[in-house]
Amino acid sequence: MDIRSILGGVGAAPSKTTQSADNKVNAERKEVETTALRSSEEKVTLTDTAGRLQKAQTAAAAQPEVDSARVEQLRKALADGTYKVSADRVAARLMAFEVALKGR
């Protein structure tokens, strides 16, 4: 009995079928790499709203995080019961925010 017949051609020269499959895999790999290169060249653009949000975020980041004097003033007003919420002022600020987001 021949050992090559038992191993099924292991170690033998690749058959035409194997070479054809390898060529197909290599071609597919090149196509994927080319597509990936094309994708990396694409550009992303933001909508107007996203651009405005980004600008608002940048402007907010430039502001101090905490106004210590204002915090102390609010603490005192809450402690002595003189703090009043103005529904009109809250509503006006909410509307201004919405208008700013829409860019009108």
PDB file of N, CA and C in Angstrom:
ATOM      1  N   MET A   1       0.835  -1.156   0.000  1.00  0.00           N
ATOM      2  CA  MET A   1       0.000   0.000   0.000  1.00  0.00           C
ATOM      3  C   MET A   1       0.896   1.240   0.000  1.00  0.00           C
ATOM      4  N   ASP A   2       0.515   2.260  -0.750  1.00  0.00           N
ATOM      5  CA  ASP A   2       1.287   3.487  -0.905  1.00  0.00           C
ATOM      6  C   ASP A   2       0.839   4.496   0.147  1.00  0.00           C
ATOM      7  N   ILE A   3       1.790   5.067   0.868  1.00  0.00           N
ATOM      8  CA  ILE A   3       1.468   6.036   1.931  1.00  0.00           C
ATOM      9  C   ILE A   3       0.788   7.281   1.376  1.00  0.00           C
ATOM     10  N   ARG A   4       1.131   7.674   0.147  1.00  0.00           N
ATOM     11  CA  ARG A   4       0.501   8.865  -0.452  1.00  0.00           C
ATOM     12  C   ARG A   4      -0.988   8.665  -0.663  1.00  0.00           C
ATOM     13  N   SER A   5      -1.414   7.468  -0.944  1.00  0.00           N
ATOM     14  CA  SER A   5      -2.845   7.235  -1.127  1.00  0.00           C
ATOM     15  C   SER A   5      -3.586   7.335   0.206  1.00  0.00           C
ATOM     16  N   ILE A   6      -2.903   6.964   1.301  1.00  0.00           N
ATOM     17  CA  ILE A   6      -3.527   7.060   2.617  1.00  0.00           C
ATOM     18  C   ILE A   6      -3.650   8.529   3.050  1.00  0.00           C
ATOM     19  N   LEU A   7      -2.605   9.313   2.814  1.00  0.00           N
ATOM     20  CA  LEU A   7      -2.611  10.716   3.220  1.00  0.00           C
ATOM     21  C   LEU A   7      -3.426  11.597   2.289  1.00  0.00           C
ATOM     22  N   GLY A   8      -3.834  11.084   1.173  1.00  0.00           N
ATOM     23  CA  GLY A   8      -4.672  11.856   0.255  1.00  0.00           C
ATOM     24  C   GLY A   8      -3.933  12.998  -0.400  1.00  0.00           C
ATOM     25  N   GLY A   9      -2.662  12.840  -0.649  1.00  0.00           N
ATOM     26  CA  GLY A   9      -1.910  13.858  -1.371  1.00  0.00           C
ATOM     27  C   GLY A   9      -1.347  14.942  -0.480  1.00  0.00           C
ATOM     28  N   VAL A  10      -1.325  14.750   0.850  1.00  0.00           N
ATOM     29  CA  VAL A  10      -0.743  15.740   1.744  1.00  0.00           C
ATOM     30  C   VAL A  10       0.729  15.864   1.417  1.00  0.00           C
ATOM     31  N   GLY A  11       1.200  17.079   1.240  1.00  0.00           N
ATOM     32  CA  GLY A  11       2.598  17.320   0.900  1.00  0.00           C
ATOM     33  C   GLY A  11       2.860  17.289  -0.585  1.00  0.00           C
ATOM     34  N   ALA A  12       1.859  16.904  -1.343  1.00  0.00           N
ATOM     35  CA  ALA A  12       2.023  16.870  -2.799  1.00  0.00           C
ATOM     36  C   ALA A  12       1.844  18.277  -3.348  1.00  0.00           C
ATOM     37  N   ALA A  13       2.218  18.477  -4.583  1.00  0.00           N
ATOM     38  CA  ALA A  13       2.053  19.769  -5.244  1.00  0.00           C
ATOM     39  C   ALA A  13       0.572  20.116  -5.290  1.00  0.00           C
ATOM     40  N   PRO A  14       0.218  21.399  -5.116  1.00  0.00           N
ATOM     41  CA  PRO A  14      -1.187  21.791  -5.133  1.00  0.00           C
ATOM     42  C   PRO A  14      -1.843  21.461  -6.474  1.00  0.00           C
ATOM     43  N   SER A  15      -3.065  21.027  -6.402  1.00  0.00           N
ATOM     44  CA  SER A  15      -3.795  20.700  -7.621  1.00  0.00           C
ATOM     45  C   SER A  15      -4.281  21.976  -8.283  1.00  0.00           C
ATOM     46  N   LYS A  16      -4.774  21.856  -9.480  1.00  0.00           N
ATOM     47  CA  LYS A  16      -5.300  23.023 -10.199  1.00  0.00           C
ATOM     48  C   LYS A  16      -6.513  23.593  -9.452  1.00  0.00           C
ATOM     49  N   THR A  17      -7.301  22.724  -8.850  1.00  0.00           N
ATOM     50  CA  THR A  17      -8.475  23.175  -8.106  1.00  0.00           C
ATOM     51  C   THR A  17      -8.053  24.019  -6.909  1.00  0.00           C
ATOM     52  N   THR A  18      -7.021  23.569  -6.193  1.00  0.00           N
ATOM     53  CA  THR A  18      -6.525  24.323  -5.039  1.00  0.00           C
ATOM     54  C   THR A  18      -5.964  25.659  -5.473  1.00  0.00           C
ATOM     55  N   GLN A  19      -5.202  25.674  -6.576  1.00  0.00           N
ATOM     56  CA  GLN A  19      -4.630  26.928  -7.076  1.00  0.00           C
ATOM     57  C   GLN A  19      -5.734  27.885  -7.499  1.00  0.00           C
ATOM     58  N   SER A  20      -6.782  27.367  -8.118  1.00  0.00           N
ATOM     59  CA  SER A  20      -7.900  28.201  -8.558  1.00  0.00           C
ATOM     60  C   SER A  20      -8.608  28.820  -7.344  1.00  0.00           C
ATOM     61  N   ALA A  21      -8.804  28.015  -6.293  1.00  0.00           N
ATOM     62  CA  ALA A  21      -9.457  28.524  -5.083  1.00  0.00           C
ATOM     63  C   ALA A  21      -8.588  29.585  -4.424  1.00  0.00           C
ATOM     64  N   ASP A  22      -7.267  29.350  -4.379  1.00  0.00           N
ATOM     65  CA  ASP A  22      -6.352  30.335  -3.802  1.00  0.00           C
ATOM     66  C   ASP A  22      -6.383  31.639  -4.585  1.00  0.00           C
ATOM     67  N   ASN A  23      -6.416  31.545  -5.907  1.00  0.00           N
ATOM     68  CA  ASN A  23      -6.478  32.743  -6.746  1.00  0.00           C
ATOM     69  C   ASN A  23      -7.771  33.518  -6.486  1.00  0.00           C
ATOM     70  N   LYS A  24      -8.875  32.780  -6.309  1.00  0.00           N
ATOM     71  CA  LYS A  24     -10.160  33.425  -6.055  1.00  0.00           C
ATOM     72  C   LYS A  24     -10.129  34.149  -4.706  1.00  0.00           C
ATOM     73  N   VAL A  25      -9.576  33.491  -3.682  1.00  0.00           N
ATOM     74  CA  VAL A  25      -9.475  34.103  -2.358  1.00  0.00           C
ATOM     75  C   VAL A  25      -8.600  35.351  -2.420  1.00  0.00           C
ATOM     76  N   ASN A  26      -7.477  35.281  -3.125  1.00  0.00           N
ATOM     77  CA  ASN A  26      -6.588  36.438  -3.253  1.00  0.00           C
ATOM     78  C   ASN A  26      -7.287  37.591  -3.971  1.00  0.00           C
ATOM     79  N   ALA A  27      -8.056  37.273  -5.018  1.00  0.00           N
ATOM     80  CA  ALA A  27      -8.782  38.308  -5.753  1.00  0.00           C
ATOM     81  C   ALA A  27      -9.822  38.975  -4.847  1.00  0.00           C
ATOM     82  N   GLU A  28     -10.531  38.153  -4.057  1.00  0.00           N
ATOM     83  CA  GLU A  28     -11.532  38.708  -3.145  1.00  0.00           C
ATOM     84  C   GLU A  28     -10.868  39.578  -2.075  1.00  0.00           C
ATOM     85  N   ARG A  29      -9.722  39.150  -1.584  1.00  0.00           N
ATOM     86  CA  ARG A  29      -8.995  39.919  -0.571  1.00  0.00           C
ATOM     87  C   ARG A  29      -8.588  41.276  -1.143  1.00  0.00           C
ATOM     88  N   LYS A  30      -8.095  41.292  -2.383  1.00  0.00           N
ATOM     89  CA  LYS A  30      -7.698  42.556  -3.016  1.00  0.00           C
ATOM     90  C   LYS A  30      -8.910  43.474  -3.180  1.00  0.00           C
ATOM     91  N   GLU A  31     -10.057  42.884  -3.536  1.00  0.00           N
ATOM     92  CA  GLU A  31     -11.274  43.686  -3.709  1.00  0.00           C
ATOM     93  C   GLU A  31     -11.697  44.318  -2.382  1.00  0.00           C
ATOM     94  N   VAL A  32     -11.627  43.554  -1.297  1.00  0.00           N
ATOM     95  CA  VAL A  32     -11.976  44.075   0.027  1.00  0.00           C
ATOM     96  C   VAL A  32     -11.014  45.190   0.419  1.00  0.00           C
ATOM     97  N   GLU A  33      -9.710  44.998   0.178  1.00  0.00           N
ATOM     98  CA  GLU A  33      -8.724  46.020   0.511  1.00  0.00           C
ATOM     99  C   GLU A  33      -8.963  47.292  -0.289  1.00  0.00           C
ATOM    100  N   THR A  34      -9.298  47.145  -1.571  1.00  0.00           N
ATOM    101  CA  THR A  34      -9.571  48.305  -2.425  1.00  0.00           C
ATOM    102  C   THR A  34     -10.806  49.049  -1.926  1.00  0.00           C
ATOM    103  N   THR A  35     -11.846  48.295  -1.565  1.00  0.00           N
ATOM    104  CA  THR A  35     -13.060  48.913  -1.032  1.00  0.00           C
ATOM    105  C   THR A  35     -12.766  49.643   0.266  1.00  0.00           C
ATOM    106  N   ALA A  36     -11.956  49.049   1.121  1.00  0.00           N
ATOM    107  CA  ALA A  36     -11.596  49.690   2.388  1.00  0.00           C
ATOM    108  C   ALA A  36     -10.834  50.983   2.135  1.00  0.00           C
ATOM    109  N   LEU A  37      -9.950  50.988   1.159  1.00  0.00           N
ATOM    110  CA  LEU A  37      -9.211  52.207   0.823  1.00  0.00           C
ATOM    111  C   LEU A  37     -10.151  53.286   0.325  1.00  0.00           C
ATOM    112  N   ARG A  38     -11.098  52.888  -0.539  1.00  0.00           N
ATOM    113  CA  ARG A  38     -12.057  53.859  -1.043  1.00  0.00           C
ATOM    114  C   ARG A  38     -12.890  54.421   0.100  1.00  0.00           C
ATOM    115  N   SER A  39     -13.297  53.577   1.035  1.00  0.00           N
ATOM    116  CA  SER A  39     -14.114  54.017   2.167  1.00  0.00           C
ATOM    117  C   SER A  39     -13.363  55.011   3.034  1.00  0.00           C
ATOM    118  N   SER A  40     -12.054  54.803   3.202  1.00  0.00           N
ATOM    119  CA  SER A  40     -11.289  55.704   4.058  1.00  0.00           C
ATOM    120  C   SER A  40     -11.118  57.076   3.417  1.00  0.00           C
ATOM    121  N   GLU A  41     -11.348  57.175   2.121  1.00  0.00           N
ATOM    122  CA  GLU A  41     -11.226  58.448   1.429  1.00  0.00           C
ATOM    123  C   GLU A  41     -12.525  59.248   1.477  1.00  0.00           C
ATOM    124  N   GLU A  42     -13.619  58.617   1.914  1.00  0.00           N
ATOM    125  CA  GLU A  42     -14.900  59.301   1.985  1.00  0.00           C
ATOM    126  C   GLU A  42     -14.874  60.313   3.115  1.00  0.00           C
ATOM    127  N   LYS A  43     -15.672  61.354   2.979  1.00  0.00           N
ATOM    128  CA  LYS A  43     -15.711  62.406   3.983  1.00  0.00           C
ATOM    129  C   LYS A  43     -17.084  62.434   4.641  1.00  0.00           C
ATOM    130  N   VAL A  44     -17.088  62.835   5.884  1.00  0.00           N
ATOM    131  CA  VAL A  44     -18.322  62.954   6.645  1.00  0.00           C
ATOM    132  C   VAL A  44     -18.645  64.428   6.788  1.00  0.00           C
ATOM    133  N   THR A  45     -19.907  64.772   6.548  1.00  0.00           N
ATOM    134  CA  THR A  45     -20.342  66.150   6.741  1.00  0.00           C
ATOM    135  C   THR A  45     -21.460  66.145   7.780  1.00  0.00           C
ATOM    136  N   LEU A  46     -21.508  67.202   8.552  1.00  0.00           N
ATOM    137  CA  LEU A  46     -22.521  67.330   9.583  1.00  0.00           C
ATOM    138  C   LEU A  46     -23.701  68.142   9.064  1.00  0.00           C
ATOM    139  N   THR A  47     -24.862  67.872   9.597  1.00  0.00           N
ATOM    140  CA  THR A  47     -26.024  68.688   9.253  1.00  0.00           C
ATOM    141  C   THR A  47     -25.847  70.051   9.899  1.00  0.00           C
ATOM    142  N   ASP A  48     -26.664  71.006   9.493  1.00  0.00           N
ATOM    143  CA  ASP A  48     -26.597  72.346  10.077  1.00  0.00           C
ATOM    144  C   ASP A  48     -26.836  72.303  11.587  1.00  0.00           C
ATOM    145  N   THR A  49     -27.814  71.496  11.990  1.00  0.00           N
ATOM    146  CA  THR A  49     -28.132  71.402  13.417  1.00  0.00           C
ATOM    147  C   THR A  49     -26.955  70.833  14.198  1.00  0.00           C
ATOM    148  N   ALA A  50     -26.339  69.789  13.671  1.00  0.00           N
ATOM    149  CA  ALA A  50     -25.189  69.187  14.350  1.00  0.00           C
ATOM    150  C   ALA A  50     -24.034  70.184  14.422  1.00  0.00           C
ATOM    151  N   GLY A  51     -23.863  70.968  13.390  1.00  0.00           N
ATOM    152  CA  GLY A  51     -22.813  71.989  13.394  1.00  0.00           C
ATOM    153  C   GLY A  51     -23.063  73.044  14.452  1.00  0.00           C
ATOM    154  N   ARG A  52     -24.332  73.471  14.580  1.00  0.00           N
ATOM    155  CA  ARG A  52     -24.675  74.459  15.606  1.00  0.00           C
ATOM    156  C   ARG A  52     -24.495  73.881  17.003  1.00  0.00           C
ATOM    157  N   LEU A  53     -24.867  72.620  17.180  1.00  0.00           N
ATOM    158  CA  LEU A  53     -24.676  71.975  18.479  1.00  0.00           C
ATOM    159  C   LEU A  53     -23.195  71.896  18.835  1.00  0.00           C
ATOM    160  N   GLN A  54     -22.378  71.601  17.842  1.00  0.00           N
ATOM    161  CA  GLN A  54     -20.940  71.529  18.081  1.00  0.00           C
ATOM    162  C   GLN A  54     -20.388  72.898  18.480  1.00  0.00           C
ATOM    163  N   LYS A  55     -20.857  73.952  17.817  1.00  0.00           N
ATOM    164  CA  LYS A  55     -20.421  75.307  18.177  1.00  0.00           C
ATOM    165  C   LYS A  55     -20.877  75.671  19.585  1.00  0.00           C
ATOM    166  N   ALA A  56     -22.108  75.301  19.926  1.00  0.00           N
ATOM    167  CA  ALA A  56     -22.630  75.593  21.264  1.00  0.00           C
ATOM    168  C   ALA A  56     -21.827  74.853  22.329  1.00  0.00           C
ATOM    169  N   GLN A  57     -21.463  73.623  22.021  1.00  0.00           N
ATOM    170  CA  GLN A  57     -20.672  72.838  22.966  1.00  0.00           C
ATOM    171  C   GLN A  57     -19.297  73.473  23.170  1.00  0.00           C
ATOM    172  N   THR A  58     -18.697  73.938  22.090  1.00  0.00           N
ATOM    173  CA  THR A  58     -17.388  74.595  22.190  1.00  0.00           C
ATOM    174  C   THR A  58     -17.498  75.874  23.013  1.00  0.00           C
ATOM    175  N   ALA A  59     -18.553  76.647  22.781  1.00  0.00           N
ATOM    176  CA  ALA A  59     -18.745  77.890  23.534  1.00  0.00           C
ATOM    177  C   ALA A  59     -18.993  77.593  25.011  1.00  0.00           C
ATOM    178  N   ALA A  60     -19.761  76.567  25.295  1.00  0.00           N
ATOM    179  CA  ALA A  60     -20.044  76.208  26.686  1.00  0.00           C
ATOM    180  C   ALA A  60     -18.783  75.731  27.391  1.00  0.00           C
ATOM    181  N   ALA A  61     -17.924  75.034  26.662  1.00  0.00           N
ATOM    182  CA  ALA A  61     -16.682  74.542  27.264  1.00  0.00           C
ATOM    183  C   ALA A  61     -15.758  75.695  27.645  1.00  0.00           C
ATOM    184  N   ALA A  62     -15.894  76.825  26.964  1.00  0.00           N
ATOM    185  CA  ALA A  62     -15.041  77.981  27.252  1.00  0.00           C
ATOM    186  C   ALA A  62     -15.501  78.721  28.508  1.00  0.00           C
ATOM    187  N   GLN A  63     -16.732  78.479  28.939  1.00  0.00           N
ATOM    188  CA  GLN A  63     -17.276  79.140  30.126  1.00  0.00           C
ATOM    189  C   GLN A  63     -16.771  78.443  31.386  1.00  0.00           C
ATOM    190  N   PRO A  64     -16.664  79.188  32.493  1.00  0.00           N
ATOM    191  CA  PRO A  64     -16.268  78.536  33.746  1.00  0.00           C
ATOM    192  C   PRO A  64     -17.326  77.514  34.152  1.00  0.00           C
ATOM    193  N   GLU A  65     -16.890  76.417  34.745  1.00  0.00           N
ATOM    194  CA  GLU A  65     -17.823  75.358  35.108  1.00  0.00           C
ATOM    195  C   GLU A  65     -18.782  75.769  36.207  1.00  0.00           C
ATOM    196  N   VAL A  66     -18.292  76.476  37.221  1.00  0.00           N
ATOM    197  CA  VAL A  66     -19.123  76.843  38.362  1.00  0.00           C
ATOM    198  C   VAL A  66     -18.900  78.311  38.710  1.00  0.00           C
ATOM    199  N   ASP A  67     -20.013  79.040  38.845  1.00  0.00           N
ATOM    200  CA  ASP A  67     -19.960  80.417  39.311  1.00  0.00           C
ATOM    201  C   ASP A  67     -20.199  80.368  40.820  1.00  0.00           C
ATOM    202  N   SER A  68     -19.115  80.336  41.567  1.00  0.00           N
ATOM    203  CA  SER A  68     -19.196  80.158  43.030  1.00  0.00           C
ATOM    204  C   SER A  68     -20.050  81.219  43.704  1.00  0.00           C
ATOM    205  N   ALA A  69     -19.962  82.450  43.257  1.00  0.00           N
ATOM    206  CA  ALA A  69     -20.747  83.535  43.868  1.00  0.00           C
ATOM    207  C   ALA A  69     -22.239  83.289  43.662  1.00  0.00           C
ATOM    208  N   ARG A  70     -22.608  82.853  42.445  1.00  0.00           N
ATOM    209  CA  ARG A  70     -24.021  82.581  42.150  1.00  0.00           C
ATOM    210  C   ARG A  70     -24.525  81.393  42.970  1.00  0.00           C
ATOM    211  N   VAL A  71     -23.706  80.370  43.105  1.00  0.00           N
ATOM    212  CA  VAL A  71     -24.093  79.203  43.897  1.00  0.00           C
ATOM    213  C   VAL A  71     -24.354  79.608  45.341  1.00  0.00           C
ATOM    214  N   GLU A  72     -23.481  80.424  45.889  1.00  0.00           N
ATOM    215  CA  GLU A  72     -23.651  80.873  47.281  1.00  0.00           C
ATOM    216  C   GLU A  72     -24.921  81.717  47.430  1.00  0.00           C
ATOM    217  N   GLN A  73     -25.176  82.566  46.448  1.00  0.00           N
ATOM    218  CA  GLN A  73     -26.378  83.405  46.466  1.00  0.00           C
ATOM    219  C   GLN A  73     -27.631  82.519  46.448  1.00  0.00           C
ATOM    220  N   LEU A  74     -27.637  81.493  45.615  1.00  0.00           N
ATOM    221  CA  LEU A  74     -28.792  80.595  45.544  1.00  0.00           C
ATOM    222  C   LEU A  74     -28.944  79.782  46.831  1.00  0.00           C
ATOM    223  N   ARG A  75     -27.856  79.377  47.423  1.00  0.00           N
ATOM    224  CA  ARG A  75     -27.908  78.633  48.694  1.00  0.00           C
ATOM    225  C   ARG A  75     -28.596  79.466  49.773  1.00  0.00           C
ATOM    226  N   LYS A  76     -28.187  80.715  49.853  1.00  0.00           N
ATOM    227  CA  LYS A  76     -28.769  81.602  50.871  1.00  0.00           C
ATOM    228  C   LYS A  76     -30.265  81.811  50.622  1.00  0.00           C
ATOM    229  N   ALA A  77     -30.628  82.028  49.353  1.00  0.00           N
ATOM    230  CA  ALA A  77     -32.032  82.258  49.014  1.00  0.00           C
ATOM    231  C   ALA A  77     -32.880  81.021  49.318  1.00  0.00           C
ATOM    232  N   LEU A  78     -32.348  79.847  49.047  1.00  0.00           N
ATOM    233  CA  LEU A  78     -33.074  78.616  49.357  1.00  0.00           C
ATOM    234  C   LEU A  78     -33.203  78.420  50.871  1.00  0.00           C
ATOM    235  N   ALA A  79     -32.117  78.720  51.581  1.00  0.00           N
ATOM    236  CA  ALA A  79     -32.111  78.532  53.039  1.00  0.00           C
ATOM    237  C   ALA A  79     -33.104  79.451  53.741  1.00  0.00           C
ATOM    238  N   ASP A  80     -33.216  80.703  53.280  1.00  0.00           N
ATOM    239  CA  ASP A  80     -34.126  81.628  53.979  1.00  0.00           C
ATOM    240  C   ASP A  80     -35.508  81.700  53.323  1.00  0.00           C
ATOM    241  N   GLY A  81     -35.747  80.903  52.277  1.00  0.00           N
ATOM    242  CA  GLY A  81     -37.084  80.817  51.671  1.00  0.00           C
ATOM    243  C   GLY A  81     -37.426  81.941  50.725  1.00  0.00           C
ATOM    244  N   THR A  82     -36.442  82.715  50.273  1.00  0.00           N
ATOM    245  CA  THR A  82     -36.726  83.840  49.376  1.00  0.00           C
ATOM    246  C   THR A  82     -36.539  83.487  47.890  1.00  0.00           C
ATOM    247  N   TYR A  83     -36.136  82.267  47.604  1.00  0.00           N
ATOM    248  CA  TYR A  83     -35.911  81.880  46.205  1.00  0.00           C
ATOM    249  C   TYR A  83     -37.255  81.654  45.529  1.00  0.00           C
ATOM    250  N   LYS A  84     -37.490  82.338  44.430  1.00  0.00           N
ATOM    251  CA  LYS A  84     -38.739  82.220  43.674  1.00  0.00           C
ATOM    252  C   LYS A  84     -38.418  81.786  42.251  1.00  0.00           C
ATOM    253  N   VAL A  85     -39.218  80.871  41.744  1.00  0.00           N
ATOM    254  CA  VAL A  85     -39.060  80.404  40.366  1.00  0.00           C
ATOM    255  C   VAL A  85     -40.021  81.195  39.498  1.00  0.00           C
ATOM    256  N   SER A  86     -39.487  81.777  38.423  1.00  0.00           N
ATOM    257  CA  SER A  86     -40.322  82.522  37.489  1.00  0.00           C
ATOM    258  C   SER A  86     -40.645  81.612  36.302  1.00  0.00           C
ATOM    259  N   ALA A  87     -41.899  81.176  36.251  1.00  0.00           N
ATOM    260  CA  ALA A  87     -42.324  80.288  35.166  1.00  0.00           C
ATOM    261  C   ALA A  87     -42.154  80.968  33.810  1.00  0.00           C
ATOM    262  N   ASP A  88     -42.424  82.268  33.742  1.00  0.00           N
ATOM    263  CA  ASP A  88     -42.270  83.006  32.485  1.00  0.00           C
ATOM    264  C   ASP A  88     -40.814  83.014  32.026  1.00  0.00           C
ATOM    265  N   ARG A  89     -39.914  83.225  32.968  1.00  0.00           N
ATOM    266  CA  ARG A  89     -38.491  83.266  32.618  1.00  0.00           C
ATOM    267  C   ARG A  89     -37.999  81.886  32.156  1.00  0.00           C
ATOM    268  N   VAL A  90     -38.428  80.830  32.850  1.00  0.00           N
ATOM    269  CA  VAL A  90     -38.051  79.463  32.459  1.00  0.00           C
ATOM    270  C   VAL A  90     -38.581  79.167  31.056  1.00  0.00           C
ATOM    271  N   ALA A  91     -39.831  79.502  30.799  1.00  0.00           N
ATOM    272  CA  ALA A  91     -40.432  79.249  29.490  1.00  0.00           C
ATOM    273  C   ALA A  91     -39.707  80.027  28.389  1.00  0.00           C
ATOM    274  N   ALA A  92     -39.380  81.277  28.668  1.00  0.00           N
ATOM    275  CA  ALA A  92     -38.682  82.099  27.673  1.00  0.00           C
ATOM    276  C   ALA A  92     -37.306  81.516  27.344  1.00  0.00           C
ATOM    277  N   ARG A  93     -36.598  81.047  28.360  1.00  0.00           N
ATOM    278  CA  ARG A  93     -35.266  80.461  28.134  1.00  0.00           C
ATOM    279  C   ARG A  93     -35.372  79.152  27.343  1.00  0.00           C
ATOM    280  N   LEU A  94     -36.397  78.344  27.649  1.00  0.00           N
ATOM    281  CA  LEU A  94     -36.598  77.098  26.892  1.00  0.00           C
ATOM    282  C   LEU A  94     -36.888  77.387  25.421  1.00  0.00           C
ATOM    283  N   MET A  95     -37.726  78.371  25.174  1.00  0.00           N
ATOM    284  CA  MET A  95     -38.054  78.735  23.790  1.00  0.00           C
ATOM    285  C   MET A  95     -36.826  79.276  23.066  1.00  0.00           C
ATOM    286  N   ALA A  96     -36.025  80.089  23.736  1.00  0.00           N
ATOM    287  CA  ALA A  96     -34.797  80.626  23.125  1.00  0.00           C
ATOM    288  C   ALA A  96     -33.851  79.492  22.771  1.00  0.00           C
ATOM    289  N   PHE A  97     -33.773  78.494  23.638  1.00  0.00           N
ATOM    290  CA  PHE A  97     -32.918  77.336  23.381  1.00  0.00           C
ATOM    291  C   PHE A  97     -33.404  76.578  22.151  1.00  0.00           C
ATOM    292  N   GLU A  98     -34.700  76.345  22.066  1.00  0.00           N
ATOM    293  CA  GLU A  98     -35.272  75.637  20.910  1.00  0.00           C
ATOM    294  C   GLU A  98     -35.025  76.391  19.604  1.00  0.00           C
ATOM    295  N   VAL A  99     -35.214  77.702  19.657  1.00  0.00           N
ATOM    296  CA  VAL A  99     -34.970  78.530  18.470  1.00  0.00           C
ATOM    297  C   VAL A  99     -33.502  78.456  18.053  1.00  0.00           C
ATOM    298  N   ALA A 100     -32.608  78.495  19.028  1.00  0.00           N
ATOM    299  CA  ALA A 100     -31.182  78.401  18.737  1.00  0.00           C
ATOM    300  C   ALA A 100     -30.833  77.066  18.100  1.00  0.00           C
ATOM    301  N   LEU A 101     -31.476  75.994  18.554  1.00  0.00           N
ATOM    302  CA  LEU A 101     -31.205  74.676  17.981  1.00  0.00           C
ATOM    303  C   LEU A 101     -31.669  74.580  16.536  1.00  0.00           C
ATOM    304  N   LYS A 102     -32.780  75.208  16.235  1.00  0.00           N
ATOM    305  CA  LYS A 102     -33.332  75.158  14.879  1.00  0.00           C
ATOM    306  C   LYS A 102     -32.684  76.176  13.956  1.00  0.00           C
ATOM    307  N   GLY A 103     -31.978  77.118  14.517  1.00  0.00           N
ATOM    308  CA  GLY A 103     -31.266  78.099  13.708  1.00  0.00           C
ATOM    309  C   GLY A 103     -32.137  79.166  13.099  1.00  0.00           C
ATOM    310  N   ARG A 104     -33.217  79.511  13.747  1.00  0.00           N
ATOM    311  CA  ARG A 104     -34.128  80.532  13.209  1.00  0.00           C
ATOM    312  C   ARG A 104     -33.798  81.880  13.746  1.00  0.00           C
TER     313      ARG A 104
END
